[in-house]
Amino acid sequence: MISRLLQRRLKLPPPSTRDLVVQRDLRVPMPDGVELLADRWAPRAGGSGLPTALIRCPYGRRGVLALGMARPLAERGFQVLIQSTRGGFGSGGAFDPLRQEREDGLATLDWLTKQPWFGDSIVLVGVSYMGSHSASTTFGNNLWNASACRIPASPVTLRAWLPRCSARCR
C-alpha cells in the first residue's frame, strides 16, 4: 500500500516488480575493524547484477526511510544497500558527525564492488546529511564516471565537512 501511495504522490512510473527480498544486517568491515550494518533490497527475481543504489544513513535502515527510499528504487530496477553509519542502529564505533563519512564510504564501496551480486554500476543516493556522505565519497578520487551532488548546507556542516574534502581534492 505504501508503495502505491508513494508512486502516486511522487508521480513515479509503475514499478517493474513489487516482489522484493531484503537481506538484513549485512556486516561491512571498515579498515579500523569496526563493522557497519547494512540491508540489501532487491527484486526477488533477477536482483543480482542490477545497478546498486547506496544510501548511507545516520537515521536507521528500516521504517519510513527504507519504505520511502529503498523500496521505490528496488521496485524500479535497482539493488539498494542502505547502511547505518558508524555508531548508529547496530553499526559499530562511535557516531562522530561528518568525521569519518568519506573513509567509511570508500570502505563500503570497496566492499560493495567485491560482492557476487554487484552489477558493475553504483549510484550514491542521499539528501541533506546523507547527501554530504555521497559528495564526500566522490570528491578527489578517480572511481567515478559521473557525479551530481545537491546538498543543502549550513555553517555547521560547511565548517565540519568542507575542509576535509577540499584538502583531499588537491
C-alpha atoms as a PDB file:
ATOM      1  CA  MET A   1       0.000   0.000   0.000  1.00  0.00           C
ATOM      2  CA  ILE A   2       2.796   2.456   0.874  1.00  0.00           C
ATOM      3  CA  SER A   3       4.434   1.630  -2.422  1.00  0.00           C
ATOM      4  CA  ARG A   4       1.306   2.619  -4.324  1.00  0.00           C
ATOM      5  CA  LEU A   5       0.869   5.812  -2.299  1.00  0.00           C
ATOM      6  CA  LEU A   6       4.455   6.851  -2.998  1.00  0.00           C
ATOM      7  CA  GLN A   7       4.035   6.074  -6.670  1.00  0.00           C
ATOM      8  CA  ARG A   8       1.016   8.379  -6.899  1.00  0.00           C
ATOM      9  CA  ARG A   9       2.393  11.123  -4.660  1.00  0.00           C
ATOM     10  CA  LEU A  10       5.807  11.259  -6.341  1.00  0.00           C
ATOM     11  CA  LYS A  11       4.373  10.615  -9.817  1.00  0.00           C
ATOM     12  CA  LEU A  12       6.688   7.647 -10.306  1.00  0.00           C
ATOM     13  CA  PRO A  13       6.381   5.287 -13.244  1.00  0.00           C
ATOM     14  CA  PRO A  14       4.906   1.888 -12.428  1.00  0.00           C
ATOM     15  CA  PRO A  15       7.384  -0.498 -10.841  1.00  0.00           C
ATOM     16  CA  SER A  16       8.813  -3.430 -12.734  1.00  0.00           C
ATOM     17  CA  THR A  17       8.039  -5.538  -9.642  1.00  0.00           C
ATOM     18  CA  ARG A  18       6.725  -5.191  -6.123  1.00  0.00           C
ATOM     19  CA  ASP A  19       8.103  -8.607  -5.163  1.00  0.00           C
ATOM     20  CA  LEU A  20      11.282  -7.753  -3.244  1.00  0.00           C
ATOM     21  CA  VAL A  21      13.679  -9.556  -0.957  1.00  0.00           C
ATOM     22  CA  VAL A  22      15.540  -7.831   1.886  1.00  0.00           C
ATOM     23  CA  GLN A  23      18.784  -9.207   3.326  1.00  0.00           C
ATOM     24  CA  ARG A  24      19.150  -7.726   6.802  1.00  0.00           C
ATOM     25  CA  ASP A  25      22.188  -6.884   8.895  1.00  0.00           C
ATOM     26  CA  LEU A  26      24.937  -7.433   6.342  1.00  0.00           C
ATOM     27  CA  ARG A  27      28.254  -6.713   8.056  1.00  0.00           C
ATOM     28  CA  VAL A  28      30.515  -4.293   6.191  1.00  0.00           C
ATOM     29  CA  PRO A  29      34.067  -4.175   7.626  1.00  0.00           C
ATOM     30  CA  MET A  30      35.915  -0.871   7.957  1.00  0.00           C
ATOM     31  CA  PRO A  31      39.724  -0.619   7.876  1.00  0.00           C
ATOM     32  CA  ASP A  32      39.870   0.002  11.652  1.00  0.00           C
ATOM     33  CA  GLY A  33      37.972  -3.240  12.410  1.00  0.00           C
ATOM     34  CA  VAL A  34      34.570  -1.632  13.051  1.00  0.00           C
ATOM     35  CA  GLU A  35      31.617  -3.266  11.266  1.00  0.00           C
ATOM     36  CA  LEU A  36      28.770  -1.209   9.854  1.00  0.00           C
ATOM     37  CA  LEU A  37      25.393  -2.876   9.274  1.00  0.00           C
ATOM     38  CA  ALA A  38      23.501  -2.666   6.003  1.00  0.00           C
ATOM     39  CA  ASP A  39      20.295  -4.035   4.495  1.00  0.00           C
ATOM     40  CA  ARG A  40      20.164  -5.024   0.831  1.00  0.00           C
ATOM     41  CA  TRP A  41      16.872  -4.601  -1.042  1.00  0.00           C
ATOM     42  CA  ALA A  42      16.486  -6.234  -4.461  1.00  0.00           C
ATOM     43  CA  PRO A  43      13.839  -7.656  -6.753  1.00  0.00           C
ATOM     44  CA  ARG A  44      13.220 -11.280  -5.773  1.00  0.00           C
ATOM     45  CA  ALA A  45      13.817 -12.423  -9.360  1.00  0.00           C
ATOM     46  CA  GLY A  46      16.862 -11.142 -11.222  1.00  0.00           C
ATOM     47  CA  GLY A  47      18.230  -8.886  -8.489  1.00  0.00           C
ATOM     48  CA  SER A  48      21.869  -9.847  -8.912  1.00  0.00           C
ATOM     49  CA  GLY A  49      23.736  -7.822 -11.476  1.00  0.00           C
ATOM     50  CA  LEU A  50      21.424  -4.801 -11.339  1.00  0.00           C
ATOM     51  CA  PRO A  51      22.876  -1.340 -10.640  1.00  0.00           C
ATOM     52  CA  THR A  52      23.279  -0.665  -6.918  1.00  0.00           C
ATOM     53  CA  ALA A  53      21.979   2.429  -5.128  1.00  0.00           C
ATOM     54  CA  LEU A  54      23.969   3.081  -1.952  1.00  0.00           C
ATOM     55  CA  ILE A  55      22.306   5.016   0.868  1.00  0.00           C
ATOM     56  CA  ARG A  56      24.427   5.676   3.973  1.00  0.00           C
ATOM     57  CA  CYS A  57      22.299   6.969   6.803  1.00  0.00           C
ATOM     58  CA  PRO A  58      22.569   8.027  10.461  1.00  0.00           C
ATOM     59  CA  TYR A  59      18.764   7.682  10.872  1.00  0.00           C
ATOM     60  CA  GLY A  60      18.405   3.906  10.602  1.00  0.00           C
ATOM     61  CA  ARG A  61      17.921   1.321   7.863  1.00  0.00           C
ATOM     62  CA  ARG A  62      14.277   0.477   8.391  1.00  0.00           C
ATOM     63  CA  GLY A  63      10.881   2.074   8.803  1.00  0.00           C
ATOM     64  CA  VAL A  64       9.834   5.167   6.869  1.00  0.00           C
ATOM     65  CA  LEU A  65      13.279   5.790   5.407  1.00  0.00           C
ATOM     66  CA  ALA A  66      13.562   2.323   3.917  1.00  0.00           C
ATOM     67  CA  LEU A  67       9.997   2.340   2.654  1.00  0.00           C
ATOM     68  CA  GLY A  68      10.360   5.823   1.192  1.00  0.00           C
ATOM     69  CA  MET A  69      13.793   5.490  -0.394  1.00  0.00           C
ATOM     70  CA  ALA A  70      14.930   1.872  -0.699  1.00  0.00           C
ATOM     71  CA  ARG A  71      11.637   0.284  -1.733  1.00  0.00           C
ATOM     72  CA  PRO A  72      10.822   2.596  -4.687  1.00  0.00           C
ATOM     73  CA  LEU A  73      14.341   2.190  -6.081  1.00  0.00           C
ATOM     74  CA  ALA A  74      14.326  -1.605  -5.704  1.00  0.00           C
ATOM     75  CA  GLU A  75      10.898  -1.815  -7.345  1.00  0.00           C
ATOM     76  CA  ARG A  76      12.269   0.104 -10.336  1.00  0.00           C
ATOM     77  CA  GLY A  77      15.329  -1.957 -11.172  1.00  0.00           C
ATOM     78  CA  PHE A  78      17.982  -1.197  -8.572  1.00  0.00           C
ATOM     79  CA  GLN A  79      19.561  -3.176  -5.827  1.00  0.00           C
ATOM     80  CA  VAL A  80      19.637  -0.896  -2.789  1.00  0.00           C
ATOM     81  CA  LEU A  81      22.172  -1.075   0.002  1.00  0.00           C
ATOM     82  CA  ILE A  82      21.037   1.065   2.928  1.00  0.00           C
ATOM     83  CA  GLN A  83      23.714   1.294   5.588  1.00  0.00           C
ATOM     84  CA  SER A  84      23.638   2.636   9.133  1.00  0.00           C
ATOM     85  CA  THR A  85      26.571   4.956   9.681  1.00  0.00           C
ATOM     86  CA  ARG A  86      29.125   4.468  12.419  1.00  0.00           C
ATOM     87  CA  GLY A  87      27.669   4.277  15.906  1.00  0.00           C
ATOM     88  CA  GLY A  88      24.025   4.094  14.931  1.00  0.00           C
ATOM     89  CA  PHE A  89      21.331   1.439  14.652  1.00  0.00           C
ATOM     90  CA  GLY A  90      23.565  -1.550  15.283  1.00  0.00           C
ATOM     91  CA  SER A  91      26.677  -0.334  13.464  1.00  0.00           C
ATOM     92  CA  GLY A  92      29.881  -0.404  15.486  1.00  0.00           C
ATOM     93  CA  GLY A  93      32.019   2.522  16.533  1.00  0.00           C
ATOM     94  CA  ALA A  94      31.009   5.910  17.862  1.00  0.00           C
ATOM     95  CA  PHE A  95      28.868   8.415  15.994  1.00  0.00           C
ATOM     96  CA  ASP A  96      31.003  11.487  15.336  1.00  0.00           C
ATOM     97  CA  PRO A  97      29.070  13.548  12.779  1.00  0.00           C
ATOM     98  CA  LEU A  98      30.845  14.193   9.481  1.00  0.00           C
ATOM     99  CA  ARG A  99      34.227  12.964  10.734  1.00  0.00           C
ATOM    100  CA  GLN A 100      34.515   9.527   9.132  1.00  0.00           C
ATOM    101  CA  GLU A 101      31.946   9.618   6.360  1.00  0.00           C
ATOM    102  CA  ARG A 102      34.436   9.746   3.500  1.00  0.00           C
ATOM    103  CA  GLU A 103      36.651   6.933   4.796  1.00  0.00           C
ATOM    104  CA  ASP A 104      33.686   4.758   5.733  1.00  0.00           C
ATOM    105  CA  GLY A 105      32.020   5.474   2.391  1.00  0.00           C
ATOM    106  CA  LEU A 106      35.121   4.473   0.452  1.00  0.00           C
ATOM    107  CA  ALA A 107      35.496   1.284   2.531  1.00  0.00           C
ATOM    108  CA  THR A 108      31.832   0.476   1.884  1.00  0.00           C
ATOM    109  CA  LEU A 109      32.290   0.973  -1.865  1.00  0.00           C
ATOM    110  CA  ASP A 110      35.345  -1.288  -1.807  1.00  0.00           C
ATOM    111  CA  TRP A 111      33.311  -3.995  -0.016  1.00  0.00           C
ATOM    112  CA  LEU A 112      30.321  -3.478  -2.298  1.00  0.00           C
ATOM    113  CA  THR A 113      32.259  -3.947  -5.524  1.00  0.00           C
ATOM    114  CA  LYS A 114      33.539  -7.317  -4.266  1.00  0.00           C
ATOM    115  CA  GLN A 115      30.084  -8.791  -3.633  1.00  0.00           C
ATOM    116  CA  PRO A 116      28.922 -11.564  -6.005  1.00  0.00           C
ATOM    117  CA  TRP A 117      25.639  -9.730  -6.639  1.00  0.00           C
ATOM    118  CA  PHE A 118      27.314  -6.416  -7.564  1.00  0.00           C
ATOM    119  CA  GLY A 119      26.278  -5.246 -11.032  1.00  0.00           C
ATOM    120  CA  ASP A 120      29.203  -3.024 -12.086  1.00  0.00           C
ATOM    121  CA  SER A 121      27.461   0.314 -11.511  1.00  0.00           C
ATOM    122  CA  ILE A 122      26.670   2.374  -8.443  1.00  0.00           C
ATOM    123  CA  VAL A 123      24.598   5.421  -7.704  1.00  0.00           C
ATOM    124  CA  LEU A 124      25.039   7.193  -4.367  1.00  0.00           C
ATOM    125  CA  VAL A 125      21.727   8.462  -3.026  1.00  0.00           C
ATOM    126  CA  GLY A 126      21.043  10.939  -0.272  1.00  0.00           C
ATOM    127  CA  VAL A 127      19.693  14.313   0.692  1.00  0.00           C
ATOM    128  CA  SER A 128      20.969  16.687   3.361  1.00  0.00           C
ATOM    129  CA  TYR A 129      23.308  14.803   5.728  1.00  0.00           C
ATOM    130  CA  MET A 130      23.027  11.666   3.600  1.00  0.00           C
ATOM    131  CA  GLY A 131      23.883  13.727   0.518  1.00  0.00           C
ATOM    132  CA  SER A 132      27.022  15.000   2.195  1.00  0.00           C
ATOM    133  CA  HIS A 133      28.103  11.345   2.595  1.00  0.00           C
ATOM    134  CA  SER A 134      27.738  10.855  -1.139  1.00  0.00           C
ATOM    135  CA  ALA A 135      29.581  14.041  -2.005  1.00  0.00           C
ATOM    136  CA  SER A 136      32.459  13.486   0.397  1.00  0.00           C
ATOM    137  CA  THR A 137      32.957   9.987  -1.005  1.00  0.00           C
ATOM    138  CA  THR A 138      33.152  11.175  -4.609  1.00  0.00           C
ATOM    139  CA  PHE A 139      35.463  14.163  -4.200  1.00  0.00           C
ATOM    140  CA  GLY A 140      39.096  13.643  -5.057  1.00  0.00           C
ATOM    141  CA  ASN A 141      39.053  10.122  -6.423  1.00  0.00           C
ATOM    142  CA  ASN A 142      39.011   8.672  -9.903  1.00  0.00           C
ATOM    143  CA  LEU A 143      36.431   5.944  -9.326  1.00  0.00           C
ATOM    144  CA  TRP A 144      33.522   7.761 -10.939  1.00  0.00           C
ATOM    145  CA  ASN A 145      32.368   8.273 -14.491  1.00  0.00           C
ATOM    146  CA  ALA A 146      29.887  10.931 -13.413  1.00  0.00           C
ATOM    147  CA  SER A 147      28.725  12.624 -10.253  1.00  0.00           C
ATOM    148  CA  ALA A 148      25.980  15.087  -9.379  1.00  0.00           C
ATOM    149  CA  CYS A 149      25.511  16.238  -5.815  1.00  0.00           C
ATOM    150  CA  ARG A 150      22.896  18.507  -4.333  1.00  0.00           C
ATOM    151  CA  ILE A 151      23.496  19.341  -0.703  1.00  0.00           C
ATOM    152  CA  PRO A 152      21.784  21.980   1.391  1.00  0.00           C
ATOM    153  CA  ALA A 153      24.467  23.286   3.704  1.00  0.00           C
ATOM    154  CA  SER A 154      24.641  25.245   6.914  1.00  0.00           C
ATOM    155  CA  PRO A 155      27.632  26.946   8.511  1.00  0.00           C
ATOM    156  CA  VAL A 156      27.926  23.950  10.863  1.00  0.00           C
ATOM    157  CA  THR A 157      28.181  21.362   8.078  1.00  0.00           C
ATOM    158  CA  LEU A 158      30.455  23.535   5.969  1.00  0.00           C
ATOM    159  CA  ARG A 159      32.908  24.075   8.847  1.00  0.00           C
ATOM    160  CA  ALA A 160      32.964  20.370   9.690  1.00  0.00           C
ATOM    161  CA  TRP A 161      32.942  18.851   6.243  1.00  0.00           C
ATOM    162  CA  LEU A 162      34.338  21.125   3.546  1.00  0.00           C
ATOM    163  CA  PRO A 163      37.943  21.455   4.816  1.00  0.00           C
ATOM    164  CA  ARG A 164      38.352  17.666   4.864  1.00  0.00           C
ATOM    165  CA  CYS A 165      37.013  17.204   1.348  1.00  0.00           C
ATOM    166  CA  SER A 166      38.792  20.130  -0.247  1.00  0.00           C
ATOM    167  CA  ALA A 167      42.134  19.090   1.270  1.00  0.00           C
ATOM    168  CA  ARG A 168      41.786  15.673  -0.399  1.00  0.00           C
ATOM    169  CA  CYS A 169      40.803  17.124  -3.773  1.00  0.00           C
ATOM    170  CA  ARG A 170      44.060  18.983  -4.357  1.00  0.00           C
END
